[in-house]
């Protein structure tokens, strides 16, 4: 069974391998359609390419299949004649996101189990007072908001409306995006792409979008102020990291240093996710204990101060 994005990942890998083998993008795309037994927009995109439409333009016409940043990478490949590198880089970005989600999935199992057990444990007194049917219906009703909230937040994440950024804070959101941004920027500068263009593509691919900070960084590069000074406008790196970037630029090793910073940011992101998922179950158990205590006290008609007094004596 495919995970979300698996088909797009296979498509980008097929385009990268096909163009590396000497095929033009239209032939590589048709070959993928034949193997996957699919047509529709992909077949139409191949027809556009055969008609002489630029690859980036053909991808832009199909935003449901290709994100804008993939089209930008295709434009870079079209400009330097290296479609294989452009499509391979796009596939690498998707693989990195997929890898992060696959690492999270096993760690989410226990918190999700607790969330489903919690309503049944909290409503246990209803078995005696209202019967099994009411108990089951009430417990299942508690789960409805959970599923609605999950569907809502998943849709917001898919649309990238900015809700998640508002919830966790702009700085933390940017920190989560930093590994992808740094990795793409490093690969693009290593390929010889102008830094101003590399900044725009990396920002779009990592989810920063059209932001004034990106425009200021690009303008700083075009004014000849250097990479470290340009990246200072993004407010993604601290002073120590900017100093490292400045020295690396002077020694001609800017892409390598950006790679090191990307790996450091990736480790911090993984540690943050692991910590949150480790603390989550404990908080859920505490919440369950408090709710059960409240339900039991309400069932027996005990007042809160009486319950506290009983807990002190214990």
C-alpha atoms as a PDB file:
ATOM      1  CA  UNK A   1       0.000   0.000   0.000  1.00  0.00           C
ATOM      2  CA  UNK A   2       1.344   3.431  -0.954  1.00  0.00           C
ATOM      3  CA  UNK A   3       1.986   6.113   1.605  1.00  0.00           C
ATOM      4  CA  UNK A   4       0.908   9.678   0.723  1.00  0.00           C
ATOM      5  CA  UNK A   5       3.383  11.060  -1.799  1.00  0.00           C
ATOM      6  CA  UNK A   6       4.814   7.656  -2.790  1.00  0.00           C
ATOM      7  CA  UNK A   7       3.517   7.926  -6.358  1.00  0.00           C
ATOM      8  CA  UNK A   8       4.981  11.400  -6.794  1.00  0.00           C
ATOM      9  CA  UNK A   9       8.271  10.137  -5.379  1.00  0.00           C
ATOM     10  CA  UNK A  10       8.332   7.270  -7.881  1.00  0.00           C
ATOM     11  CA  UNK A  11       7.541   9.719 -10.683  1.00  0.00           C
ATOM     12  CA  UNK A  12      10.421  12.038  -9.771  1.00  0.00           C
ATOM     13  CA  UNK A  13      12.817   9.103  -9.459  1.00  0.00           C
ATOM     14  CA  UNK A  14      11.696   7.817 -12.862  1.00  0.00           C
ATOM     15  CA  UNK A  15      12.256  11.251 -14.413  1.00  0.00           C
ATOM     16  CA  UNK A  16      15.689  11.531 -12.783  1.00  0.00           C
ATOM     17  CA  UNK A  17      16.766   8.057 -13.927  1.00  0.00           C
ATOM     18  CA  UNK A  18      15.330   8.489 -17.409  1.00  0.00           C
ATOM     19  CA  UNK A  19      16.972  11.847 -18.080  1.00  0.00           C
ATOM     20  CA  UNK A  20      20.251  10.541 -16.618  1.00  0.00           C
ATOM     21  CA  UNK A  21      20.069   7.682 -19.135  1.00  0.00           C
ATOM     22  CA  UNK A  22      19.768  10.192 -21.988  1.00  0.00           C
ATOM     23  CA  UNK A  23      15.973  10.303 -22.437  1.00  0.00           C
ATOM     24  CA  UNK A  24      14.221  13.613 -22.837  1.00  0.00           C
ATOM     25  CA  UNK A  25      11.689  14.415 -20.067  1.00  0.00           C
ATOM     26  CA  UNK A  26       8.706  13.668 -22.344  1.00  0.00           C
ATOM     27  CA  UNK A  27       9.922  10.137 -23.087  1.00  0.00           C
ATOM     28  CA  UNK A  28      10.730   9.502 -19.427  1.00  0.00           C
ATOM     29  CA  UNK A  29       7.266  10.721 -18.448  1.00  0.00           C
ATOM     30  CA  UNK A  30       5.541   8.521 -21.036  1.00  0.00           C
ATOM     31  CA  UNK A  31       7.543   5.536 -19.821  1.00  0.00           C
ATOM     32  CA  UNK A  32       6.316   6.156 -16.274  1.00  0.00           C
ATOM     33  CA  UNK A  33       2.708   6.396 -17.485  1.00  0.00           C
ATOM     34  CA  UNK A  34       3.043   3.061 -19.274  1.00  0.00           C
ATOM     35  CA  UNK A  35       4.568   1.303 -16.257  1.00  0.00           C
ATOM     36  CA  UNK A  36       2.031   2.734 -13.823  1.00  0.00           C
ATOM     37  CA  UNK A  37      -0.843   2.277 -16.303  1.00  0.00           C
ATOM     38  CA  UNK A  38      -1.967   5.837 -15.802  1.00  0.00           C
ATOM     39  CA  UNK A  39      -2.780   8.774 -18.032  1.00  0.00           C
ATOM     40  CA  UNK A  40      -4.792  11.924 -17.418  1.00  0.00           C
ATOM     41  CA  UNK A  41      -2.723  14.944 -16.448  1.00  0.00           C
ATOM     42  CA  UNK A  42       0.578  13.068 -16.712  1.00  0.00           C
ATOM     43  CA  UNK A  43      -0.154  12.023 -20.284  1.00  0.00           C
ATOM     44  CA  UNK A  44      -1.256  15.585 -21.039  1.00  0.00           C
ATOM     45  CA  UNK A  45       2.006  16.899 -19.575  1.00  0.00           C
ATOM     46  CA  UNK A  46       3.950  14.551 -21.876  1.00  0.00           C
ATOM     47  CA  UNK A  47       1.913  15.820 -24.828  1.00  0.00           C
ATOM     48  CA  UNK A  48       2.726  19.425 -23.858  1.00  0.00           C
ATOM     49  CA  UNK A  49       6.426  18.567 -23.792  1.00  0.00           C
ATOM     50  CA  UNK A  50       6.185  16.950 -27.222  1.00  0.00           C
ATOM     51  CA  UNK A  51       4.519  20.150 -28.470  1.00  0.00           C
ATOM     52  CA  UNK A  52       7.520  22.198 -27.353  1.00  0.00           C
ATOM     53  CA  UNK A  53       6.246  23.546 -24.042  1.00  0.00           C
ATOM     54  CA  UNK A  54       9.059  24.141 -21.534  1.00  0.00           C
ATOM     55  CA  UNK A  55       9.314  21.493 -18.826  1.00  0.00           C
ATOM     56  CA  UNK A  56       8.889  23.973 -15.976  1.00  0.00           C
ATOM     57  CA  UNK A  57       5.825  25.501 -17.653  1.00  0.00           C
ATOM     58  CA  UNK A  58       4.257  22.063 -18.220  1.00  0.00           C
ATOM     59  CA  UNK A  59       4.684  21.316 -14.521  1.00  0.00           C
ATOM     60  CA  UNK A  60       3.316  24.710 -13.441  1.00  0.00           C
ATOM     61  CA  UNK A  61       0.130  24.013 -15.384  1.00  0.00           C
ATOM     62  CA  UNK A  62      -0.543  21.024 -13.098  1.00  0.00           C
ATOM     63  CA  UNK A  63      -0.211  22.235  -9.502  1.00  0.00           C
ATOM     64  CA  UNK A  64      -2.205  19.251  -8.236  1.00  0.00           C
ATOM     65  CA  UNK A  65       0.614  16.959  -9.403  1.00  0.00           C
ATOM     66  CA  UNK A  66       3.661  19.177  -9.053  1.00  0.00           C
ATOM     67  CA  UNK A  67       4.238  21.693  -6.268  1.00  0.00           C
ATOM     68  CA  UNK A  68       5.518  25.108  -7.405  1.00  0.00           C
ATOM     69  CA  UNK A  69       8.983  24.415  -5.975  1.00  0.00           C
ATOM     70  CA  UNK A  70       9.295  21.277  -8.148  1.00  0.00           C
ATOM     71  CA  UNK A  71       8.590  23.426 -11.200  1.00  0.00           C
ATOM     72  CA  UNK A  72      11.270  25.879 -10.019  1.00  0.00           C
ATOM     73  CA  UNK A  73      13.803  23.062  -9.714  1.00  0.00           C
ATOM     74  CA  UNK A  74      12.817  21.896 -13.199  1.00  0.00           C
ATOM     75  CA  UNK A  75      13.475  25.423 -14.475  1.00  0.00           C
ATOM     76  CA  UNK A  76      16.951  25.252 -12.914  1.00  0.00           C
ATOM     77  CA  UNK A  77      17.558  21.894 -14.623  1.00  0.00           C
ATOM     78  CA  UNK A  78      16.330  23.334 -17.893  1.00  0.00           C
ATOM     79  CA  UNK A  79      18.724  26.266 -17.605  1.00  0.00           C
ATOM     80  CA  UNK A  80      21.836  24.206 -16.897  1.00  0.00           C
ATOM     81  CA  UNK A  81      20.872  21.117 -18.913  1.00  0.00           C
ATOM     82  CA  UNK A  82      20.850  18.827 -15.878  1.00  0.00           C
ATOM     83  CA  UNK A  83      17.283  17.609 -15.537  1.00  0.00           C
ATOM     84  CA  UNK A  84      18.565  14.478 -13.804  1.00  0.00           C
ATOM     85  CA  UNK A  85      20.041  16.489 -10.933  1.00  0.00           C
ATOM     86  CA  UNK A  86      16.944  18.675 -10.621  1.00  0.00           C
ATOM     87  CA  UNK A  87      14.520  15.744 -10.445  1.00  0.00           C
ATOM     88  CA  UNK A  88      16.851  13.773  -8.166  1.00  0.00           C
ATOM     89  CA  UNK A  89      17.013  16.741  -5.794  1.00  0.00           C
ATOM     90  CA  UNK A  90      13.205  17.030  -5.758  1.00  0.00           C
ATOM     91  CA  UNK A  91      12.933  13.302  -5.022  1.00  0.00           C
ATOM     92  CA  UNK A  92      15.519  13.642  -2.260  1.00  0.00           C
ATOM     93  CA  UNK A  93      13.475  16.368  -0.580  1.00  0.00           C
ATOM     94  CA  UNK A  94      10.346  14.216  -0.636  1.00  0.00           C
ATOM     95  CA  UNK A  95      12.313  11.228   0.669  1.00  0.00           C
ATOM     96  CA  UNK A  96      13.626  13.286   3.581  1.00  0.00           C
ATOM     97  CA  UNK A  97      10.085  14.324   4.531  1.00  0.00           C
ATOM     98  CA  UNK A  98       8.871  10.740   4.163  1.00  0.00           C
ATOM     99  CA  UNK A  99      11.727   9.445   6.330  1.00  0.00           C
ATOM    100  CA  UNK A 100      10.848  11.893   9.101  1.00  0.00           C
ATOM    101  CA  UNK A 101       7.190  10.827   9.046  1.00  0.00           C
ATOM    102  CA  UNK A 102       8.138   7.152   9.097  1.00  0.00           C
ATOM    103  CA  UNK A 103      10.314   7.778  12.150  1.00  0.00           C
ATOM    104  CA  UNK A 104       7.409   9.477  13.908  1.00  0.00           C
ATOM    105  CA  UNK A 105       4.789   6.838  13.091  1.00  0.00           C
ATOM    106  CA  UNK A 106       5.931   4.117  15.560  1.00  0.00           C
ATOM    107  CA  UNK A 107       6.331   6.702  18.332  1.00  0.00           C
ATOM    108  CA  UNK A 108       2.776   7.928  17.789  1.00  0.00           C
ATOM    109  CA  UNK A 109       1.267   4.485  18.393  1.00  0.00           C
ATOM    110  CA  UNK A 110       1.357   4.627  22.214  1.00  0.00           C
ATOM    111  CA  UNK A 111      -0.065   8.190  22.551  1.00  0.00           C
ATOM    112  CA  UNK A 112      -2.841   7.310  20.081  1.00  0.00           C
ATOM    113  CA  UNK A 113      -3.649   4.161  22.071  1.00  0.00           C
ATOM    114  CA  UNK A 114      -3.899   6.207  25.261  1.00  0.00           C
ATOM    115  CA  UNK A 115      -6.166   8.745  23.568  1.00  0.00           C
ATOM    116  CA  UNK A 116      -8.551   5.940  22.598  1.00  0.00           C
ATOM    117  CA  UNK A 117      -8.438   4.260  26.015  1.00  0.00           C
ATOM    118  CA  UNK A 118      -8.959   7.523  27.913  1.00  0.00           C
ATOM    119  CA  UNK A 119     -12.728   7.991  27.186  1.00  0.00           C
ATOM    120  CA  UNK A 120     -13.514   4.404  28.166  1.00  0.00           C
ATOM    121  CA  UNK A 121     -11.546   4.692  31.415  1.00  0.00           C
ATOM    122  CA  UNK A 122     -13.002   8.073  32.389  1.00  0.00           C
ATOM    123  CA  UNK A 123     -16.595   7.017  31.700  1.00  0.00           C
ATOM    124  CA  UNK A 124     -16.290   3.702  33.554  1.00  0.00           C
ATOM    125  CA  UNK A 125     -18.639   4.818  36.408  1.00  0.00           C
ATOM    126  CA  UNK A 126     -21.455   5.072  33.841  1.00  0.00           C
ATOM    127  CA  UNK A 127     -21.569   1.272  33.640  1.00  0.00           C
ATOM    128  CA  UNK A 128     -23.092   1.134  37.121  1.00  0.00           C
ATOM    129  CA  UNK A 129     -25.258   4.233  36.883  1.00  0.00           C
ATOM    130  CA  UNK A 130     -26.523   4.153  33.287  1.00  0.00           C
ATOM    131  CA  UNK A 131     -25.743   0.717  31.862  1.00  0.00           C
ATOM    132  CA  UNK A 132     -23.379  -0.631  29.240  1.00  0.00           C
ATOM    133  CA  UNK A 133     -25.143   0.876  26.209  1.00  0.00           C
ATOM    134  CA  UNK A 134     -24.978   4.454  27.524  1.00  0.00           C
ATOM    135  CA  UNK A 135     -21.379   3.866  28.613  1.00  0.00           C
ATOM    136  CA  UNK A 136     -20.307   2.754  25.147  1.00  0.00           C
ATOM    137  CA  UNK A 137     -22.194   5.526  23.346  1.00  0.00           C
ATOM    138  CA  UNK A 138     -20.813   8.231  25.662  1.00  0.00           C
ATOM    139  CA  UNK A 139     -17.263   6.904  25.312  1.00  0.00           C
ATOM    140  CA  UNK A 140     -17.499   6.779  21.529  1.00  0.00           C
ATOM    141  CA  UNK A 141     -18.971  10.290  21.495  1.00  0.00           C
ATOM    142  CA  UNK A 142     -15.833  11.509  23.290  1.00  0.00           C
ATOM    143  CA  UNK A 143     -13.761  10.228  20.385  1.00  0.00           C
ATOM    144  CA  UNK A 144     -15.688  12.195  17.744  1.00  0.00           C
ATOM    145  CA  UNK A 145     -13.976  15.555  18.473  1.00  0.00           C
ATOM    146  CA  UNK A 146     -10.631  13.768  18.344  1.00  0.00           C
ATOM    147  CA  UNK A 147     -11.260  12.509  14.813  1.00  0.00           C
ATOM    148  CA  UNK A 148     -12.699  15.849  13.675  1.00  0.00           C
ATOM    149  CA  UNK A 149      -9.682  17.720  15.068  1.00  0.00           C
ATOM    150  CA  UNK A 150      -7.274  15.252  13.433  1.00  0.00           C
ATOM    151  CA  UNK A 151      -9.006  15.653  10.058  1.00  0.00           C
ATOM    152  CA  UNK A 152      -8.984  19.445  10.383  1.00  0.00           C
ATOM    153  CA  UNK A 153      -5.305  19.734  11.312  1.00  0.00           C
ATOM    154  CA  UNK A 154      -4.284  17.231   8.622  1.00  0.00           C
ATOM    155  CA  UNK A 155      -6.122  19.309   6.017  1.00  0.00           C
ATOM    156  CA  UNK A 156      -4.505  22.509   7.293  1.00  0.00           C
ATOM    157  CA  UNK A 157      -1.070  20.886   7.128  1.00  0.00           C
ATOM    158  CA  UNK A 158      -1.743  19.681   3.576  1.00  0.00           C
ATOM    159  CA  UNK A 159      -2.908  23.122   2.444  1.00  0.00           C
ATOM    160  CA  UNK A 160      -0.101  24.879   4.366  1.00  0.00           C
ATOM    161  CA  UNK A 161      -2.424  27.704   5.406  1.00  0.00           C
ATOM    162  CA  UNK A 162      -0.145  28.827   8.238  1.00  0.00           C
ATOM    163  CA  UNK A 163      -2.269  27.520  11.116  1.00  0.00           C
ATOM    164  CA  UNK A 164       0.457  25.195  12.383  1.00  0.00           C
ATOM    165  CA  UNK A 165       2.945  28.045  12.217  1.00  0.00           C
ATOM    166  CA  UNK A 166       0.615  30.218  14.316  1.00  0.00           C
ATOM    167  CA  UNK A 167       0.115  27.430  16.879  1.00  0.00           C
ATOM    168  CA  UNK A 168       3.751  26.535  17.502  1.00  0.00           C
ATOM    169  CA  UNK A 169       5.232  29.974  16.861  1.00  0.00           C
ATOM    170  CA  UNK A 170       7.039  31.454  13.897  1.00  0.00           C
ATOM    171  CA  UNK A 171      10.543  30.785  15.235  1.00  0.00           C
ATOM    172  CA  UNK A 172       9.885  27.129  16.037  1.00  0.00           C
ATOM    173  CA  UNK A 173       8.182  26.612  12.676  1.00  0.00           C
ATOM    174  CA  UNK A 174      11.173  28.067  10.850  1.00  0.00           C
ATOM    175  CA  UNK A 175      13.493  25.841  12.898  1.00  0.00           C
ATOM    176  CA  UNK A 176      11.571  22.781  11.683  1.00  0.00           C
ATOM    177  CA  UNK A 177      11.980  23.939   8.070  1.00  0.00           C
ATOM    178  CA  UNK A 178      15.660  24.834   8.420  1.00  0.00           C
ATOM    179  CA  UNK A 179      17.150  21.361   7.643  1.00  0.00           C
ATOM    180  CA  UNK A 180      15.363  21.151   4.273  1.00  0.00           C
ATOM    181  CA  UNK A 181      16.175  24.778   3.412  1.00  0.00           C
ATOM    182  CA  UNK A 182      19.871  24.353   4.231  1.00  0.00           C
ATOM    183  CA  UNK A 183      20.166  21.050   2.392  1.00  0.00           C
ATOM    184  CA  UNK A 184      18.580  22.413  -0.803  1.00  0.00           C
ATOM    185  CA  UNK A 185      20.604  25.609  -0.660  1.00  0.00           C
ATOM    186  CA  UNK A 186      23.816  23.611  -0.313  1.00  0.00           C
ATOM    187  CA  UNK A 187      23.025  21.339  -3.273  1.00  0.00           C
ATOM    188  CA  UNK A 188      21.990  24.226  -5.514  1.00  0.00           C
ATOM    189  CA  UNK A 189      25.077  26.329  -4.747  1.00  0.00           C
ATOM    190  CA  UNK A 190      27.248  23.238  -5.231  1.00  0.00           C
ATOM    191  CA  UNK A 191      25.719  22.791  -8.702  1.00  0.00           C
ATOM    192  CA  UNK A 192      26.855  26.291  -9.661  1.00  0.00           C
ATOM    193  CA  UNK A 193      23.483  28.041  -9.494  1.00  0.00           C
ATOM    194  CA  UNK A 194      23.661  31.719  -8.588  1.00  0.00           C
ATOM    195  CA  UNK A 195      23.116  32.215  -4.845  1.00  0.00           C
ATOM    196  CA  UNK A 196      20.265  34.697  -5.339  1.00  0.00           C
ATOM    197  CA  UNK A 197      18.316  32.154  -7.425  1.00  0.00           C
ATOM    198  CA  UNK A 198      19.277  29.314  -5.072  1.00  0.00           C
ATOM    199  CA  UNK A 199      17.834  31.269  -2.127  1.00  0.00           C
ATOM    200  CA  UNK A 200      14.487  31.723  -3.884  1.00  0.00           C
ATOM    201  CA  UNK A 201      14.198  28.058  -4.902  1.00  0.00           C
ATOM    202  CA  UNK A 202      15.304  26.763  -1.486  1.00  0.00           C
ATOM    203  CA  UNK A 203      12.814  29.052   0.284  1.00  0.00           C
ATOM    204  CA  UNK A 204       9.953  27.867  -1.933  1.00  0.00           C
ATOM    205  CA  UNK A 205      10.900  24.190  -1.609  1.00  0.00           C
ATOM    206  CA  UNK A 206      11.191  24.311   2.182  1.00  0.00           C
ATOM    207  CA  UNK A 207       7.857  26.048   2.697  1.00  0.00           C
ATOM    208  CA  UNK A 208       8.983  29.583   3.500  1.00  0.00           C
ATOM    209  CA  UNK A 209       7.174  30.888   0.449  1.00  0.00           C
ATOM    210  CA  UNK A 210       7.198  34.506  -0.667  1.00  0.00           C
ATOM    211  CA  UNK A 211       8.436  36.397   2.375  1.00  0.00           C
ATOM    212  CA  UNK A 212      10.035  39.852   2.602  1.00  0.00           C
ATOM    213  CA  UNK A 213      13.048  38.311   4.362  1.00  0.00           C
ATOM    214  CA  UNK A 214      13.774  36.157   1.302  1.00  0.00           C
ATOM    215  CA  UNK A 215      13.571  39.197  -0.977  1.00  0.00           C
ATOM    216  CA  UNK A 216      15.947  41.139   1.276  1.00  0.00           C
ATOM    217  CA  UNK A 217      18.404  38.229   1.329  1.00  0.00           C
ATOM    218  CA  UNK A 218      18.334  37.981  -2.446  1.00  0.00           C
ATOM    219  CA  UNK A 219      18.836  41.732  -2.807  1.00  0.00           C
ATOM    220  CA  UNK A 220      21.809  41.560  -0.432  1.00  0.00           C
ATOM    221  CA  UNK A 221      23.439  38.899  -2.603  1.00  0.00           C
ATOM    222  CA  UNK A 222      22.822  40.895  -5.757  1.00  0.00           C
ATOM    223  CA  UNK A 223      24.392  43.915  -4.043  1.00  0.00           C
ATOM    224  CA  UNK A 224      27.538  41.856  -3.425  1.00  0.00           C
ATOM    225  CA  UNK A 225      27.319  41.700   0.382  1.00  0.00           C
ATOM    226  CA  UNK A 226      28.169  38.010   0.655  1.00  0.00           C
ATOM    227  CA  UNK A 227      26.254  34.893   1.628  1.00  0.00           C
ATOM    228  CA  UNK A 228      26.550  35.269   5.406  1.00  0.00           C
ATOM    229  CA  UNK A 229      25.221  38.823   5.319  1.00  0.00           C
ATOM    230  CA  UNK A 230      22.405  37.783   3.012  1.00  0.00           C
ATOM    231  CA  UNK A 231      21.390  34.845   5.214  1.00  0.00           C
ATOM    232  CA  UNK A 232      21.335  37.143   8.239  1.00  0.00           C
ATOM    233  CA  UNK A 233      18.175  38.691   6.770  1.00  0.00           C
ATOM    234  CA  UNK A 234      16.356  35.359   7.063  1.00  0.00           C
ATOM    235  CA  UNK A 235      16.853  35.204  10.846  1.00  0.00           C
ATOM    236  CA  UNK A 236      17.350  31.427  10.594  1.00  0.00           C
ATOM    237  CA  UNK A 237      20.941  31.228  11.817  1.00  0.00           C
ATOM    238  CA  UNK A 238      22.453  32.574  15.029  1.00  0.00           C
ATOM    239  CA  UNK A 239      25.576  34.754  15.166  1.00  0.00           C
ATOM    240  CA  UNK A 240      27.944  31.804  15.666  1.00  0.00           C
ATOM    241  CA  UNK A 241      26.522  29.974  12.668  1.00  0.00           C
ATOM    242  CA  UNK A 242      26.726  33.121  10.535  1.00  0.00           C
ATOM    243  CA  UNK A 243      30.374  33.530  11.550  1.00  0.00           C
ATOM    244  CA  UNK A 244      31.041  29.956  10.429  1.00  0.00           C
ATOM    245  CA  UNK A 245      29.302  30.641   7.120  1.00  0.00           C
ATOM    246  CA  UNK A 246      31.361  33.808   6.618  1.00  0.00           C
ATOM    247  CA  UNK A 247      34.656  31.973   7.180  1.00  0.00           C
ATOM    248  CA  UNK A 248      33.519  29.092   4.987  1.00  0.00           C
ATOM    249  CA  UNK A 249      32.637  31.496   2.176  1.00  0.00           C
ATOM    250  CA  UNK A 250      36.080  33.089   2.440  1.00  0.00           C
ATOM    251  CA  UNK A 251      37.711  29.658   2.136  1.00  0.00           C
ATOM    252  CA  UNK A 252      35.473  28.534  -0.730  1.00  0.00           C
ATOM    253  CA  UNK A 253      33.681  25.867   1.328  1.00  0.00           C
ATOM    254  CA  UNK A 254      30.275  27.480   1.726  1.00  0.00           C
ATOM    255  CA  UNK A 255      28.186  24.480   0.487  1.00  0.00           C
ATOM    256  CA  UNK A 256      29.995  22.110   2.873  1.00  0.00           C
ATOM    257  CA  UNK A 257      29.383  24.387   5.864  1.00  0.00           C
ATOM    258  CA  UNK A 258      25.712  24.774   4.956  1.00  0.00           C
ATOM    259  CA  UNK A 259      25.550  20.959   4.861  1.00  0.00           C
ATOM    260  CA  UNK A 260      26.975  20.787   8.384  1.00  0.00           C
ATOM    261  CA  UNK A 261      24.411  23.300   9.642  1.00  0.00           C
ATOM    262  CA  UNK A 262      21.623  21.340   7.907  1.00  0.00           C
ATOM    263  CA  UNK A 263      22.682  18.129   9.676  1.00  0.00           C
ATOM    264  CA  UNK A 264      22.841  19.942  13.021  1.00  0.00           C
ATOM    265  CA  UNK A 265      19.351  21.383  12.493  1.00  0.00           C
ATOM    266  CA  UNK A 266      18.060  17.949  11.467  1.00  0.00           C
ATOM    267  CA  UNK A 267      19.388  16.398  14.696  1.00  0.00           C
ATOM    268  CA  UNK A 268      17.735  19.143  16.765  1.00  0.00           C
ATOM    269  CA  UNK A 269      14.436  18.579  14.960  1.00  0.00           C
ATOM    270  CA  UNK A 270      14.556  14.824  15.583  1.00  0.00           C
ATOM    271  CA  UNK A 271      15.399  15.396  19.254  1.00  0.00           C
ATOM    272  CA  UNK A 272      12.509  17.845  19.635  1.00  0.00           C
ATOM    273  CA  UNK A 273      10.050  15.389  18.100  1.00  0.00           C
ATOM    274  CA  UNK A 274      11.352  12.516  20.254  1.00  0.00           C
ATOM    275  CA  UNK A 275      11.050  14.625  23.414  1.00  0.00           C
ATOM    276  CA  UNK A 276       7.505  15.722  22.636  1.00  0.00           C
ATOM    277  CA  UNK A 277       6.409  12.159  21.947  1.00  0.00           C
ATOM    278  CA  UNK A 278       8.114  10.905  25.123  1.00  0.00           C
ATOM    279  CA  UNK A 279       6.422  13.501  27.343  1.00  0.00           C
ATOM    280  CA  UNK A 280       3.020  13.181  25.647  1.00  0.00           C
ATOM    281  CA  UNK A 281       2.019   9.776  27.085  1.00  0.00           C
ATOM    282  CA  UNK A 282       2.912  10.857  30.621  1.00  0.00           C
ATOM    283  CA  UNK A 283       0.723  13.939  30.280  1.00  0.00           C
ATOM    284  CA  UNK A 284      -2.133  11.842  28.903  1.00  0.00           C
ATOM    285  CA  UNK A 285      -1.870   9.420  31.831  1.00  0.00           C
ATOM    286  CA  UNK A 286      -1.917  12.330  34.268  1.00  0.00           C
ATOM    287  CA  UNK A 287      -4.973  13.766  32.532  1.00  0.00           C
ATOM    288  CA  UNK A 288      -6.681  10.377  32.659  1.00  0.00           C
ATOM    289  CA  UNK A 289      -5.968  10.041  36.393  1.00  0.00           C
ATOM    290  CA  UNK A 290      -7.381  13.501  37.127  1.00  0.00           C
ATOM    291  CA  UNK A 291     -10.518  12.900  35.056  1.00  0.00           C
ATOM    292  CA  UNK A 292     -11.129   9.503  36.618  1.00  0.00           C
ATOM    293  CA  UNK A 293     -10.688  10.966  40.105  1.00  0.00           C
ATOM    294  CA  UNK A 294     -13.150  13.726  39.258  1.00  0.00           C
ATOM    295  CA  UNK A 295     -15.668  11.239  37.856  1.00  0.00           C
ATOM    296  CA  UNK A 296     -15.384   8.975  40.895  1.00  0.00           C
ATOM    297  CA  UNK A 297     -15.778  11.864  43.298  1.00  0.00           C
ATOM    298  CA  UNK A 298     -18.811  13.129  41.385  1.00  0.00           C
ATOM    299  CA  UNK A 299     -20.293   9.636  41.328  1.00  0.00           C
ATOM    300  CA  UNK A 300     -19.996   9.268  45.100  1.00  0.00           C
ATOM    301  CA  UNK A 301     -21.121  12.815  45.769  1.00  0.00           C
ATOM    302  CA  UNK A 302     -17.901  13.822  47.422  1.00  0.00           C
ATOM    303  CA  UNK A 303     -16.942  17.456  47.418  1.00  0.00           C
ATOM    304  CA  UNK A 304     -13.530  18.482  46.038  1.00  0.00           C
ATOM    305  CA  UNK A 305     -12.261  19.544  49.468  1.00  0.00           C
ATOM    306  CA  UNK A 306     -13.280  16.177  50.909  1.00  0.00           C
ATOM    307  CA  UNK A 307     -11.427  14.384  48.132  1.00  0.00           C
ATOM    308  CA  UNK A 308      -8.300  16.462  48.774  1.00  0.00           C
ATOM    309  CA  UNK A 309      -8.488  15.676  52.462  1.00  0.00           C
ATOM    310  CA  UNK A 310      -8.738  11.957  51.692  1.00  0.00           C
ATOM    311  CA  UNK A 311      -5.707  12.181  49.393  1.00  0.00           C
ATOM    312  CA  UNK A 312      -3.702  13.976  52.130  1.00  0.00           C
ATOM    313  CA  UNK A 313      -4.473  11.250  54.630  1.00  0.00           C
ATOM    314  CA  UNK A 314      -3.305   8.605  52.207  1.00  0.00           C
END
